[in-house]
Structure formats: structure tokens, C-alpha cells
């Protein structure tokens, strides 16, 4: 009986008591900060921290094998390639479509609404849909190609959390596809910077000349 009681206590602790809920809130706050931060050296570091937290959350939820592609993608690949590109281009973010403080306010409101909908309508206490809203907001409101990459990474993390029943092969394919897309966007970003000294999606049309 002892192993069964221990197992039940562990499930209660991680699902209700505090470990996962606290981690989830930290992950969500960190994602918002990443989308709104202007210095990409800081963004790269925060992305690495976010990857560690996501991996820890997966371990606590019992997804031990699935953490391998997630850990490689979120802790190593995304932060490193983003930092490498930033070192070769520029630190500061290109001007977004929405002014900074308005963007922060809108993102907080969007996250609050998406969590409320998830909780009251879908009956979920997770942050998956809130993370999806953060990623989509970043794609629509930011012009820097590196923020596009960051937003896509957050959307990938959201999918990983949304469907935890993935086996390691499917999870690996998800991370591989996302990694290829990230590399294509970052190569475009470096080419654009060499041509225009810009990382803005507004200038992408100039690459064809």
C-alpha cells in the first residue's frame, strides 16, 4: 500500500499542490518578458532559462523520454543560434508595429483573457493556451525576424505542453521541423542585415533584388 499512497500523494502535489502551478506561472511570465524584451542578448539567456523550466515541468509530469528533443531544442539550440546571430548583427530589436508600453498592456490583457477562457470554458488550469496567445501576439506585433523566431519557439513549446501524450519520435519531429524553420528564418535575417543593416520583416522584400 505504501507505494500506492506515495504515488497518489505525488500526483496530488504536482497537479494540485504547488510545484507545477508555480512553475507554470513562472514560465508564462518569462514568455511575456521574452516577447517584450528589446536586448537580444538578454532574450537569448531568458530563452535558455525558459527551456530549463519547461524541461523541469515535463520531468515533473512524468514525460522523461520526451524531454530529450525538448531539452536540446529549448536549452541549447534556440538560445545558442539566436545569441550567435545577435553577436553578428545587432543587439537591439527593430521597431515593432505597436509601441512598447501599449504592446505590454495588450499582451497582459490577452494572456489574462486566454487563461480565463481556458479555465472557465475549457476547464483547464494549464497555461498552454496562454502561451499560444503569447506566441501569436509576438508573430503579429513584432517586426524583428529574431522575435519571429522567438514567437515560433514559444508556439512549439505550447504544442509540446498541449498534447503531452506525444511519444519521443513525434516530439522529436516537431522540434526538428521547428528547428529547420528557425534556421531558414535566421539565415534570411543575416542576409537581410548584410544587405540593409536591418532585421525587420518590413525589409524582407529587398532580398529579391
N, C-alpha and C. Protein backbone atom coordinates (compact mmCIF):
# COMPACT_ATOMS: atom_id res chain seq x y z
N UNK A 1 0.81 -1.21 0.00
CA UNK A 1 0.00 0.00 0.00
C UNK A 1 0.85 1.26 0.00
N UNK A 2 2.05 1.18 0.55
CA UNK A 2 2.87 2.39 0.67
C UNK A 2 3.22 3.01 -0.67
N UNK A 3 3.64 2.20 -1.65
CA UNK A 3 3.94 2.80 -2.96
C UNK A 3 2.74 3.46 -3.59
N UNK A 4 1.53 2.87 -3.41
CA UNK A 4 0.33 3.45 -4.00
C UNK A 4 0.02 4.78 -3.35
N UNK A 5 0.12 4.83 -2.00
CA UNK A 5 -0.17 6.08 -1.30
C UNK A 5 0.84 7.14 -1.67
N UNK A 6 2.10 6.73 -1.77
CA UNK A 6 3.14 7.69 -2.15
C UNK A 6 2.89 8.23 -3.53
N UNK A 7 2.53 7.32 -4.46
CA UNK A 7 2.25 7.74 -5.83
C UNK A 7 1.09 8.72 -5.88
N UNK A 8 0.03 8.44 -5.12
CA UNK A 8 -1.13 9.33 -5.10
C UNK A 8 -0.78 10.68 -4.53
N UNK A 9 0.06 10.69 -3.49
CA UNK A 9 0.48 11.95 -2.89
C UNK A 9 1.30 12.77 -3.87
N UNK A 10 2.15 12.08 -4.61
CA UNK A 10 2.99 12.78 -5.58
C UNK A 10 2.15 13.41 -6.68
N UNK A 11 1.15 12.67 -7.16
CA UNK A 11 0.27 13.22 -8.19
C UNK A 11 -0.46 14.43 -7.67
N UNK A 12 -0.96 14.34 -6.43
CA UNK A 12 -1.68 15.45 -5.83
C UNK A 12 -0.79 16.67 -5.69
N UNK A 13 0.47 16.43 -5.30
CA UNK A 13 1.40 17.54 -5.10
C UNK A 13 1.70 18.26 -6.40
N UNK A 14 1.96 17.49 -7.46
CA UNK A 14 2.36 18.10 -8.72
C UNK A 14 1.18 18.70 -9.47
N UNK A 15 -0.01 18.11 -9.36
CA UNK A 15 -1.13 18.59 -10.15
C UNK A 15 -1.94 19.65 -9.42
N UNK A 16 -1.94 19.58 -8.05
CA UNK A 16 -2.79 20.49 -7.32
C UNK A 16 -2.01 21.36 -6.36
N UNK A 17 -1.01 20.73 -5.70
CA UNK A 17 -0.41 21.38 -4.56
C UNK A 17 0.39 22.60 -4.85
N UNK A 18 1.33 22.57 -5.79
CA UNK A 18 2.07 23.79 -5.96
C UNK A 18 3.25 23.74 -6.90
N UNK A 19 3.83 22.56 -7.16
CA UNK A 19 5.05 22.56 -7.95
C UNK A 19 4.74 22.97 -9.38
N UNK A 20 3.86 22.25 -10.03
CA UNK A 20 3.52 22.59 -11.40
C UNK A 20 2.82 23.94 -11.56
N UNK A 21 1.84 24.28 -10.72
CA UNK A 21 1.21 25.61 -10.85
C UNK A 21 2.21 26.76 -10.72
N UNK A 22 3.13 26.66 -9.77
CA UNK A 22 4.13 27.72 -9.59
C UNK A 22 5.04 27.80 -10.81
N UNK A 23 5.52 26.65 -11.27
CA UNK A 23 6.37 26.62 -12.47
C UNK A 23 5.62 27.18 -13.67
N UNK A 24 4.36 26.84 -13.79
CA UNK A 24 3.56 27.30 -14.94
C UNK A 24 3.46 28.82 -14.95
N UNK A 25 3.22 29.41 -13.79
CA UNK A 25 3.12 30.87 -13.71
C UNK A 25 4.46 31.51 -14.07
N UNK A 26 5.56 30.95 -13.56
CA UNK A 26 6.89 31.50 -13.87
C UNK A 26 7.17 31.40 -15.36
N UNK A 27 6.83 30.24 -15.96
CA UNK A 27 7.03 30.05 -17.41
C UNK A 27 6.25 31.09 -18.21
N UNK A 28 5.00 31.33 -17.82
CA UNK A 28 4.16 32.28 -18.54
C UNK A 28 4.70 33.70 -18.42
N UNK A 29 5.09 34.09 -17.22
CA UNK A 29 5.66 35.44 -17.02
C UNK A 29 6.93 35.60 -17.84
N UNK A 30 7.78 34.56 -17.82
CA UNK A 30 9.04 34.60 -18.56
C UNK A 30 8.79 34.73 -20.05
N UNK A 31 7.77 34.03 -20.57
CA UNK A 31 7.44 34.12 -22.00
C UNK A 31 7.02 35.54 -22.37
N UNK A 32 6.23 36.19 -21.51
CA UNK A 32 5.81 37.57 -21.77
C UNK A 32 7.02 38.50 -21.78
N UNK A 33 7.92 38.33 -20.81
CA UNK A 33 9.13 39.16 -20.74
C UNK A 33 9.99 38.96 -21.99
N UNK A 34 10.12 37.71 -22.44
CA UNK A 34 10.92 37.42 -23.63
C UNK A 34 10.36 38.13 -24.86
N UNK A 35 9.04 38.10 -25.03
CA UNK A 35 8.43 38.74 -26.18
C UNK A 35 8.63 40.25 -26.15
N UNK A 36 8.63 40.85 -24.97
CA UNK A 36 8.70 42.31 -24.86
C UNK A 36 10.11 42.86 -24.64
N UNK A 37 11.09 42.01 -24.32
CA UNK A 37 12.46 42.48 -24.10
C UNK A 37 13.07 42.98 -25.40
N UNK A 38 13.86 44.04 -25.32
CA UNK A 38 14.43 44.65 -26.52
C UNK A 38 15.86 44.22 -26.81
N UNK A 39 16.61 43.81 -25.77
CA UNK A 39 18.01 43.41 -25.94
C UNK A 39 18.06 41.90 -26.18
N UNK A 40 18.55 41.49 -27.34
CA UNK A 40 18.51 40.07 -27.70
C UNK A 40 19.55 39.24 -26.98
N UNK A 41 20.56 39.87 -26.37
CA UNK A 41 21.46 39.10 -25.51
C UNK A 41 20.69 38.61 -24.29
N UNK A 42 19.85 39.50 -23.75
CA UNK A 42 19.02 39.12 -22.61
C UNK A 42 17.98 38.09 -23.03
N UNK A 43 17.37 38.30 -24.21
CA UNK A 43 16.37 37.37 -24.71
C UNK A 43 16.96 35.96 -24.84
N UNK A 44 18.19 35.86 -25.34
CA UNK A 44 18.83 34.55 -25.51
C UNK A 44 19.00 33.84 -24.18
N UNK A 45 19.45 34.59 -23.17
CA UNK A 45 19.63 34.00 -21.84
C UNK A 45 18.29 33.55 -21.26
N UNK A 46 17.27 34.42 -21.39
CA UNK A 46 15.95 34.09 -20.86
C UNK A 46 15.33 32.89 -21.56
N UNK A 47 15.61 32.75 -22.86
CA UNK A 47 15.12 31.58 -23.59
C UNK A 47 15.75 30.29 -23.05
N UNK A 48 17.03 30.35 -22.70
CA UNK A 48 17.69 29.19 -22.10
C UNK A 48 17.07 28.83 -20.77
N UNK A 49 16.78 29.85 -19.94
CA UNK A 49 16.13 29.62 -18.65
C UNK A 49 14.73 29.04 -18.85
N UNK A 50 14.00 29.58 -19.84
CA UNK A 50 12.67 29.06 -20.15
C UNK A 50 12.75 27.59 -20.55
N UNK A 51 13.75 27.25 -21.33
CA UNK A 51 13.93 25.85 -21.73
C UNK A 51 14.17 24.93 -20.54
N UNK A 52 14.97 25.39 -19.59
CA UNK A 52 15.22 24.61 -18.37
C UNK A 52 13.93 24.39 -17.60
N UNK A 53 13.12 25.44 -17.45
CA UNK A 53 11.87 25.35 -16.71
C UNK A 53 10.87 24.41 -17.40
N UNK A 54 10.80 24.51 -18.74
CA UNK A 54 9.90 23.63 -19.49
C UNK A 54 10.33 22.17 -19.35
N UNK A 55 11.63 21.94 -19.39
CA UNK A 55 12.14 20.58 -19.22
C UNK A 55 11.83 20.06 -17.83
N UNK A 56 12.01 20.91 -16.82
CA UNK A 56 11.69 20.52 -15.45
C UNK A 56 10.21 20.21 -15.30
N UNK A 57 9.36 21.03 -15.93
CA UNK A 57 7.92 20.79 -15.88
C UNK A 57 7.58 19.44 -16.51
N UNK A 58 8.22 19.11 -17.62
CA UNK A 58 7.97 17.82 -18.27
C UNK A 58 8.41 16.66 -17.39
N UNK A 59 9.53 16.83 -16.68
CA UNK A 59 10.00 15.78 -15.78
C UNK A 59 9.00 15.56 -14.65
N UNK A 60 8.49 16.66 -14.09
CA UNK A 60 7.52 16.55 -13.00
C UNK A 60 6.22 15.91 -13.46
N UNK A 61 5.90 16.05 -14.74
CA UNK A 61 4.68 15.44 -15.27
C UNK A 61 4.91 14.01 -15.75
N UNK A 62 6.15 13.51 -15.57
CA UNK A 62 6.44 12.13 -15.89
C UNK A 62 6.84 11.87 -17.32
N UNK A 63 7.05 12.92 -18.12
CA UNK A 63 7.43 12.74 -19.53
C UNK A 63 8.96 12.71 -19.62
N UNK A 64 9.55 11.62 -19.16
CA UNK A 64 11.00 11.54 -19.05
C UNK A 64 11.67 11.43 -20.42
N UNK A 65 11.20 10.49 -21.25
CA UNK A 65 11.84 10.28 -22.55
C UNK A 65 11.63 11.48 -23.46
N UNK A 66 10.43 12.08 -23.39
CA UNK A 66 10.10 13.19 -24.28
C UNK A 66 10.94 14.44 -24.04
N UNK A 67 11.62 14.51 -22.90
CA UNK A 67 12.37 15.74 -22.61
C UNK A 67 13.64 15.85 -23.46
N UNK A 68 14.06 14.75 -24.08
CA UNK A 68 15.33 14.79 -24.82
C UNK A 68 15.26 15.78 -25.99
N UNK A 69 14.30 15.64 -26.93
CA UNK A 69 14.24 16.64 -28.01
C UNK A 69 13.88 18.03 -27.50
N UNK A 70 13.00 18.11 -26.48
CA UNK A 70 12.64 19.41 -25.92
C UNK A 70 13.85 20.10 -25.32
N UNK A 71 14.64 19.35 -24.54
CA UNK A 71 15.82 19.94 -23.89
C UNK A 71 16.83 20.43 -24.92
N UNK A 72 17.10 19.62 -25.94
CA UNK A 72 18.06 20.01 -26.98
C UNK A 72 17.58 21.26 -27.70
N UNK A 73 16.29 21.30 -28.03
CA UNK A 73 15.74 22.43 -28.80
C UNK A 73 15.68 23.70 -27.96
N UNK A 74 15.18 23.58 -26.72
CA UNK A 74 14.87 24.77 -25.94
C UNK A 74 16.03 25.29 -25.09
N UNK A 75 16.91 24.39 -24.63
CA UNK A 75 18.01 24.82 -23.77
C UNK A 75 19.26 25.13 -24.58
N UNK A 76 19.49 24.38 -25.64
CA UNK A 76 20.74 24.52 -26.40
C UNK A 76 20.52 25.24 -27.73
N UNK A 77 19.68 24.66 -28.58
CA UNK A 77 19.60 25.13 -29.97
C UNK A 77 19.10 26.57 -30.10
N UNK A 78 17.89 26.85 -29.61
CA UNK A 78 17.31 28.18 -29.79
C UNK A 78 18.15 29.28 -29.15
N UNK A 79 18.52 29.19 -27.87
CA UNK A 79 19.33 30.27 -27.27
C UNK A 79 20.67 30.49 -27.97
N UNK A 80 21.34 29.38 -28.35
CA UNK A 80 22.67 29.50 -28.95
C UNK A 80 22.62 30.15 -30.32
N UNK A 81 21.72 29.67 -31.20
CA UNK A 81 21.68 30.23 -32.55
C UNK A 81 21.21 31.69 -32.52
N UNK A 82 20.30 32.01 -31.60
CA UNK A 82 19.83 33.39 -31.51
C UNK A 82 20.94 34.30 -31.00
N UNK A 83 21.68 33.85 -30.01
CA UNK A 83 22.80 34.65 -29.49
C UNK A 83 23.88 34.81 -30.55
N UNK A 84 24.16 33.72 -31.29
CA UNK A 84 25.18 33.77 -32.33
C UNK A 84 24.81 34.79 -33.41
N UNK A 85 23.55 34.79 -33.84
CA UNK A 85 23.11 35.75 -34.86
C UNK A 85 23.15 37.18 -34.31
N UNK A 86 22.75 37.35 -33.06
CA UNK A 86 22.76 38.68 -32.46
C UNK A 86 24.18 39.24 -32.39
N UNK A 87 25.14 38.38 -32.07
CA UNK A 87 26.54 38.81 -31.99
C UNK A 87 27.06 39.25 -33.36
N UNK A 88 26.50 38.70 -34.43
CA UNK A 88 26.95 39.04 -35.78
C UNK A 88 26.12 40.17 -36.42
N UNK A 89 25.05 40.57 -35.77
CA UNK A 89 24.19 41.60 -36.36
C UNK A 89 24.06 42.81 -35.42
N UNK A 90 23.02 42.84 -34.61
CA UNK A 90 22.79 43.95 -33.69
C UNK A 90 22.05 43.44 -32.46
N UNK A 91 22.23 44.18 -31.35
CA UNK A 91 21.63 43.75 -30.09
C UNK A 91 20.17 44.16 -29.97
N UNK A 92 19.86 45.36 -30.46
CA UNK A 92 18.54 45.94 -30.20
C UNK A 92 17.50 45.41 -31.19
N UNK A 93 16.27 45.33 -30.71
CA UNK A 93 15.15 44.89 -31.54
C UNK A 93 14.73 45.99 -32.51
N UNK A 94 14.30 45.58 -33.70
CA UNK A 94 13.71 46.53 -34.63
C UNK A 94 12.38 47.07 -34.08
N UNK A 95 11.99 48.26 -34.52
CA UNK A 95 10.76 48.86 -34.01
C UNK A 95 9.55 47.99 -34.34
N UNK A 96 8.74 47.67 -33.34
CA UNK A 96 7.56 46.82 -33.58
C UNK A 96 6.42 47.61 -34.20
N UNK A 97 5.37 46.92 -34.59
CA UNK A 97 4.19 47.59 -35.14
C UNK A 97 3.46 48.41 -34.08
N UNK A 98 3.54 47.95 -32.82
CA UNK A 98 2.83 48.61 -31.71
C UNK A 98 3.86 49.18 -30.75
N UNK A 99 3.61 50.36 -30.22
CA UNK A 99 4.55 50.99 -29.30
C UNK A 99 4.75 50.10 -28.06
N UNK A 100 5.89 50.28 -27.40
CA UNK A 100 6.33 49.36 -26.35
C UNK A 100 5.31 49.18 -25.23
N UNK A 101 4.89 50.28 -24.61
CA UNK A 101 4.00 50.17 -23.44
C UNK A 101 2.61 49.68 -23.82
N UNK A 102 2.14 50.09 -24.98
CA UNK A 102 0.85 49.60 -25.46
C UNK A 102 0.93 48.10 -25.73
N UNK A 103 2.06 47.67 -26.28
CA UNK A 103 2.26 46.26 -26.58
C UNK A 103 2.24 45.43 -25.28
N UNK A 104 2.94 45.92 -24.26
CA UNK A 104 2.97 45.21 -22.98
C UNK A 104 1.56 45.11 -22.39
N UNK A 105 0.84 46.22 -22.42
CA UNK A 105 -0.52 46.24 -21.86
C UNK A 105 -1.43 45.27 -22.62
N UNK A 106 -1.37 45.31 -23.94
CA UNK A 106 -2.21 44.42 -24.75
C UNK A 106 -1.88 42.96 -24.53
N UNK A 107 -0.58 42.67 -24.38
CA UNK A 107 -0.17 41.27 -24.18
C UNK A 107 -0.66 40.75 -22.83
N UNK A 108 -0.56 41.57 -21.79
CA UNK A 108 -1.03 41.16 -20.47
C UNK A 108 -2.54 40.91 -20.50
N UNK A 109 -3.27 41.81 -21.15
CA UNK A 109 -4.72 41.64 -21.27
C UNK A 109 -5.05 40.36 -22.04
N UNK A 110 -4.33 40.12 -23.14
CA UNK A 110 -4.56 38.93 -23.96
C UNK A 110 -4.29 37.65 -23.18
N UNK A 111 -3.20 37.64 -22.41
CA UNK A 111 -2.86 36.46 -21.61
C UNK A 111 -3.92 36.22 -20.55
N UNK A 112 -4.39 37.29 -19.92
CA UNK A 112 -5.43 37.17 -18.89
C UNK A 112 -6.72 36.61 -19.47
N UNK A 113 -7.12 37.14 -20.63
CA UNK A 113 -8.36 36.68 -21.27
C UNK A 113 -8.23 35.22 -21.71
N UNK A 114 -7.09 34.87 -22.31
CA UNK A 114 -6.91 33.50 -22.80
C UNK A 114 -6.89 32.51 -21.65
N UNK A 115 -6.31 32.90 -20.51
CA UNK A 115 -6.30 31.99 -19.36
C UNK A 115 -7.72 31.85 -18.79
N UNK A 116 -8.46 32.96 -18.75
CA UNK A 116 -9.83 32.91 -18.24
C UNK A 116 -10.70 32.01 -19.12
N UNK A 117 -10.55 32.13 -20.43
CA UNK A 117 -11.30 31.27 -21.36
C UNK A 117 -10.92 29.81 -21.16
N UNK A 118 -9.61 29.56 -21.02
CA UNK A 118 -9.13 28.20 -20.82
C UNK A 118 -9.69 27.60 -19.53
N UNK A 119 -9.75 28.42 -18.48
CA UNK A 119 -10.19 27.92 -17.17
C UNK A 119 -11.71 27.75 -17.10
N UNK A 120 -12.43 28.79 -17.51
CA UNK A 120 -13.89 28.79 -17.31
C UNK A 120 -14.66 28.04 -18.41
N UNK A 121 -14.11 28.05 -19.62
CA UNK A 121 -14.83 27.40 -20.74
C UNK A 121 -14.28 26.02 -21.05
N UNK A 122 -12.95 25.91 -21.12
CA UNK A 122 -12.35 24.61 -21.46
C UNK A 122 -12.09 23.76 -20.23
N UNK A 123 -12.17 24.37 -19.05
CA UNK A 123 -11.97 23.62 -17.82
C UNK A 123 -10.54 23.20 -17.58
N UNK A 124 -9.58 23.95 -18.14
CA UNK A 124 -8.17 23.62 -18.00
C UNK A 124 -7.48 24.65 -17.11
N UNK A 125 -6.62 24.17 -16.21
CA UNK A 125 -5.84 25.08 -15.37
C UNK A 125 -4.42 25.27 -15.90
N UNK A 126 -4.13 24.70 -17.07
CA UNK A 126 -2.80 24.82 -17.65
C UNK A 126 -2.60 26.15 -18.35
N UNK A 127 -1.36 26.38 -18.78
CA UNK A 127 -1.01 27.66 -19.42
C UNK A 127 -0.83 27.51 -20.93
N UNK A 128 -1.19 26.34 -21.46
CA UNK A 128 -0.91 26.08 -22.87
C UNK A 128 -1.52 27.14 -23.79
N UNK A 129 -2.81 27.43 -23.59
CA UNK A 129 -3.49 28.39 -24.47
C UNK A 129 -2.97 29.81 -24.26
N UNK A 130 -2.57 30.12 -23.04
CA UNK A 130 -1.98 31.43 -22.78
C UNK A 130 -0.64 31.57 -23.50
N UNK A 131 0.15 30.49 -23.49
CA UNK A 131 1.43 30.51 -24.22
C UNK A 131 1.20 30.65 -25.72
N UNK A 132 0.16 29.98 -26.23
CA UNK A 132 -0.17 30.12 -27.64
C UNK A 132 -0.51 31.57 -27.97
N UNK A 133 -1.26 32.22 -27.09
CA UNK A 133 -1.62 33.63 -27.33
C UNK A 133 -0.38 34.51 -27.30
N UNK A 134 0.58 34.20 -26.44
CA UNK A 134 1.83 34.96 -26.40
C UNK A 134 2.59 34.81 -27.71
N UNK A 135 2.69 33.57 -28.20
CA UNK A 135 3.40 33.33 -29.45
C UNK A 135 2.75 34.01 -30.64
N UNK A 136 1.42 33.91 -30.73
CA UNK A 136 0.71 34.54 -31.85
C UNK A 136 0.83 36.06 -31.78
N UNK A 137 0.73 36.61 -30.57
CA UNK A 137 0.89 38.06 -30.41
C UNK A 137 2.27 38.51 -30.88
N UNK A 138 3.30 37.74 -30.54
CA UNK A 138 4.65 38.09 -30.98
C UNK A 138 4.78 38.06 -32.49
N UNK A 139 4.15 37.07 -33.13
CA UNK A 139 4.21 36.98 -34.59
C UNK A 139 3.53 38.17 -35.27
N UNK A 140 2.42 38.63 -34.68
CA UNK A 140 1.63 39.68 -35.31
C UNK A 140 2.10 41.09 -34.99
N UNK A 141 2.71 41.27 -33.81
CA UNK A 141 3.02 42.64 -33.36
C UNK A 141 4.47 43.04 -33.53
N UNK A 142 5.38 42.07 -33.73
CA UNK A 142 6.80 42.37 -33.81
C UNK A 142 7.28 42.31 -35.26
N UNK A 143 8.29 43.10 -35.57
CA UNK A 143 8.83 43.11 -36.93
C UNK A 143 10.22 42.49 -37.02
N UNK A 144 10.90 42.35 -35.90
CA UNK A 144 12.25 41.79 -35.91
C UNK A 144 12.18 40.30 -36.20
N UNK A 145 12.99 39.83 -37.16
CA UNK A 145 12.98 38.42 -37.54
C UNK A 145 13.36 37.52 -36.36
N UNK A 146 14.18 38.04 -35.47
CA UNK A 146 14.56 37.24 -34.30
C UNK A 146 13.38 37.09 -33.34
N UNK A 147 12.51 38.10 -33.29
CA UNK A 147 11.31 37.96 -32.49
C UNK A 147 10.32 36.99 -33.15
N UNK A 148 10.35 36.93 -34.47
CA UNK A 148 9.55 35.92 -35.17
C UNK A 148 10.01 34.52 -34.77
N UNK A 149 11.32 34.33 -34.74
CA UNK A 149 11.89 33.05 -34.32
C UNK A 149 11.50 32.74 -32.87
N UNK A 150 11.61 33.75 -32.00
CA UNK A 150 11.27 33.58 -30.59
C UNK A 150 9.80 33.19 -30.43
N UNK A 151 8.93 33.85 -31.17
CA UNK A 151 7.50 33.57 -31.10
C UNK A 151 7.19 32.16 -31.59
N UNK A 152 7.85 31.73 -32.67
CA UNK A 152 7.66 30.37 -33.18
C UNK A 152 8.13 29.33 -32.16
N UNK A 153 9.24 29.64 -31.47
CA UNK A 153 9.73 28.73 -30.45
C UNK A 153 8.71 28.58 -29.32
N UNK A 154 8.13 29.68 -28.89
CA UNK A 154 7.12 29.64 -27.82
C UNK A 154 5.90 28.86 -28.28
N UNK A 155 5.51 29.01 -29.55
CA UNK A 155 4.39 28.22 -30.07
C UNK A 155 4.73 26.72 -30.08
N UNK A 156 5.96 26.39 -30.39
CA UNK A 156 6.40 24.99 -30.36
C UNK A 156 6.30 24.44 -28.95
N UNK A 157 6.75 25.23 -27.97
CA UNK A 157 6.65 24.79 -26.58
C UNK A 157 5.18 24.59 -26.19
N UNK A 158 4.31 25.47 -26.69
CA UNK A 158 2.88 25.36 -26.38
C UNK A 158 2.31 24.04 -26.88
N UNK A 159 2.68 23.67 -28.10
CA UNK A 159 2.19 22.42 -28.68
C UNK A 159 2.69 21.23 -27.85
N UNK A 160 3.94 21.31 -27.43
CA UNK A 160 4.50 20.25 -26.60
C UNK A 160 3.71 20.08 -25.30
N UNK A 161 3.32 21.19 -24.68
CA UNK A 161 2.58 21.13 -23.42
C UNK A 161 1.11 20.76 -23.65
N UNK A 162 0.58 21.18 -24.81
CA UNK A 162 -0.84 20.97 -25.08
C UNK A 162 -1.18 19.51 -25.32
N UNK A 163 -0.26 18.79 -25.94
CA UNK A 163 -0.51 17.38 -26.25
C UNK A 163 0.61 16.54 -25.63
N UNK A 164 0.54 16.33 -24.29
CA UNK A 164 1.63 15.63 -23.61
C UNK A 164 1.72 14.15 -23.93
N UNK A 165 0.75 13.62 -24.68
CA UNK A 165 0.77 12.19 -25.00
C UNK A 165 1.71 11.86 -26.15
N UNK A 166 2.38 12.87 -26.72
CA UNK A 166 3.33 12.62 -27.79
C UNK A 166 4.38 11.61 -27.34
N UNK A 167 4.77 10.70 -28.24
CA UNK A 167 5.93 9.88 -27.92
C UNK A 167 7.18 10.61 -28.39
N UNK A 168 8.32 10.06 -28.09
CA UNK A 168 9.58 10.77 -28.33
C UNK A 168 9.80 11.00 -29.83
N UNK A 169 9.32 10.10 -30.69
CA UNK A 169 9.52 10.25 -32.13
C UNK A 169 8.74 11.45 -32.65
N UNK A 170 7.45 11.55 -32.28
CA UNK A 170 6.63 12.67 -32.74
C UNK A 170 7.14 13.98 -32.17
N UNK A 171 7.53 13.97 -30.88
CA UNK A 171 8.07 15.17 -30.27
C UNK A 171 9.37 15.58 -30.96
N UNK A 172 10.19 14.59 -31.29
CA UNK A 172 11.44 14.88 -32.00
C UNK A 172 11.19 15.48 -33.37
N UNK A 173 10.18 14.96 -34.09
CA UNK A 173 9.85 15.51 -35.41
C UNK A 173 9.35 16.95 -35.30
N UNK A 174 8.56 17.22 -34.24
CA UNK A 174 8.08 18.58 -34.02
C UNK A 174 9.25 19.54 -33.81
N UNK A 175 10.19 19.15 -32.96
CA UNK A 175 11.34 20.00 -32.69
C UNK A 175 12.24 20.13 -33.92
N UNK A 176 12.39 19.04 -34.69
CA UNK A 176 13.22 19.08 -35.89
C UNK A 176 12.64 20.02 -36.93
N UNK A 177 11.33 19.91 -37.18
CA UNK A 177 10.68 20.79 -38.14
C UNK A 177 10.81 22.25 -37.70
N UNK A 178 10.57 22.51 -36.42
CA UNK A 178 10.69 23.87 -35.90
C UNK A 178 12.13 24.37 -36.02
N UNK A 179 13.09 23.48 -35.76
CA UNK A 179 14.50 23.88 -35.86
C UNK A 179 14.89 24.26 -37.28
N UNK A 180 14.41 23.50 -38.27
CA UNK A 180 14.69 23.82 -39.67
C UNK A 180 14.09 25.17 -40.04
N UNK A 181 12.85 25.41 -39.62
CA UNK A 181 12.19 26.69 -39.90
C UNK A 181 12.95 27.85 -39.25
N UNK A 182 13.41 27.63 -38.02
CA UNK A 182 14.18 28.65 -37.31
C UNK A 182 15.47 28.97 -38.07
N UNK A 183 16.17 27.94 -38.52
CA UNK A 183 17.42 28.16 -39.26
C UNK A 183 17.18 28.94 -40.54
N UNK A 184 16.12 28.61 -41.27
CA UNK A 184 15.80 29.34 -42.50
C UNK A 184 15.56 30.82 -42.20
N UNK A 185 14.79 31.10 -41.17
CA UNK A 185 14.48 32.49 -40.81
C UNK A 185 15.74 33.24 -40.37
N UNK A 186 16.60 32.59 -39.61
CA UNK A 186 17.82 33.25 -39.15
C UNK A 186 18.80 33.50 -40.29
N UNK A 187 18.86 32.58 -41.25
CA UNK A 187 19.70 32.81 -42.43
C UNK A 187 19.19 34.00 -43.23
N UNK A 188 17.86 34.08 -43.38
CA UNK A 188 17.26 35.24 -44.04
C UNK A 188 17.59 36.52 -43.27
N UNK A 189 17.55 36.43 -41.95
CA UNK A 189 17.85 37.59 -41.13
C UNK A 189 19.28 38.07 -41.32
N UNK A 190 20.22 37.14 -41.37
CA UNK A 190 21.62 37.54 -41.56
C UNK A 190 21.83 38.13 -42.95
N UNK A 191 21.23 37.54 -43.96
CA UNK A 191 21.33 38.09 -45.32
C UNK A 191 20.73 39.50 -45.38
N UNK A 192 19.61 39.67 -44.71
CA UNK A 192 18.95 40.97 -44.70
C UNK A 192 19.81 42.00 -44.00
N UNK A 193 20.47 41.61 -42.92
CA UNK A 193 21.32 42.56 -42.20
C UNK A 193 22.52 42.96 -43.04
N UNK A 194 23.10 42.01 -43.76
CA UNK A 194 24.24 42.33 -44.63
C UNK A 194 23.83 43.28 -45.75
N UNK A 195 22.59 43.15 -46.20
CA UNK A 195 22.11 43.99 -47.29
C UNK A 195 21.65 45.36 -46.82
N UNK A 196 20.90 45.40 -45.72
CA UNK A 196 20.24 46.64 -45.30
C UNK A 196 20.61 47.08 -43.89
N UNK A 197 21.44 46.31 -43.19
CA UNK A 197 21.71 46.53 -41.77
C UNK A 197 20.40 46.62 -40.98
N UNK A 198 19.50 45.74 -41.33
CA UNK A 198 18.18 45.70 -40.72
C UNK A 198 17.80 44.25 -40.48
N UNK A 199 16.99 44.04 -39.41
CA UNK A 199 16.44 42.71 -39.14
C UNK A 199 14.92 42.74 -39.23
N UNK A 200 14.39 43.78 -39.84
CA UNK A 200 12.95 43.97 -39.86
C UNK A 200 12.28 43.22 -41.00
N UNK A 201 11.15 42.61 -40.71
CA UNK A 201 10.38 41.93 -41.75
C UNK A 201 9.88 42.91 -42.80
N UNK A 202 9.82 44.19 -42.46
CA UNK A 202 9.40 45.20 -43.44
C UNK A 202 10.35 45.27 -44.63
N UNK A 203 11.60 44.89 -44.42
CA UNK A 203 12.63 45.00 -45.47
C UNK A 203 12.89 43.68 -46.20
N UNK A 204 12.13 42.65 -45.88
CA UNK A 204 12.38 41.34 -46.49
C UNK A 204 12.24 41.37 -48.01
N UNK A 205 11.35 42.21 -48.51
CA UNK A 205 11.15 42.25 -49.97
C UNK A 205 12.41 42.68 -50.71
N UNK A 206 13.33 43.36 -50.01
CA UNK A 206 14.56 43.81 -50.67
C UNK A 206 15.52 42.66 -50.94
N UNK A 207 15.31 41.50 -50.33
CA UNK A 207 16.22 40.37 -50.55
C UNK A 207 16.15 39.83 -51.97
N UNK A 208 15.04 40.07 -52.66
CA UNK A 208 14.91 39.50 -54.02
C UNK A 208 15.67 40.31 -55.06
N UNK A 209 16.19 41.46 -54.67
CA UNK A 209 16.91 42.29 -55.63
C UNK A 209 18.40 42.02 -55.52
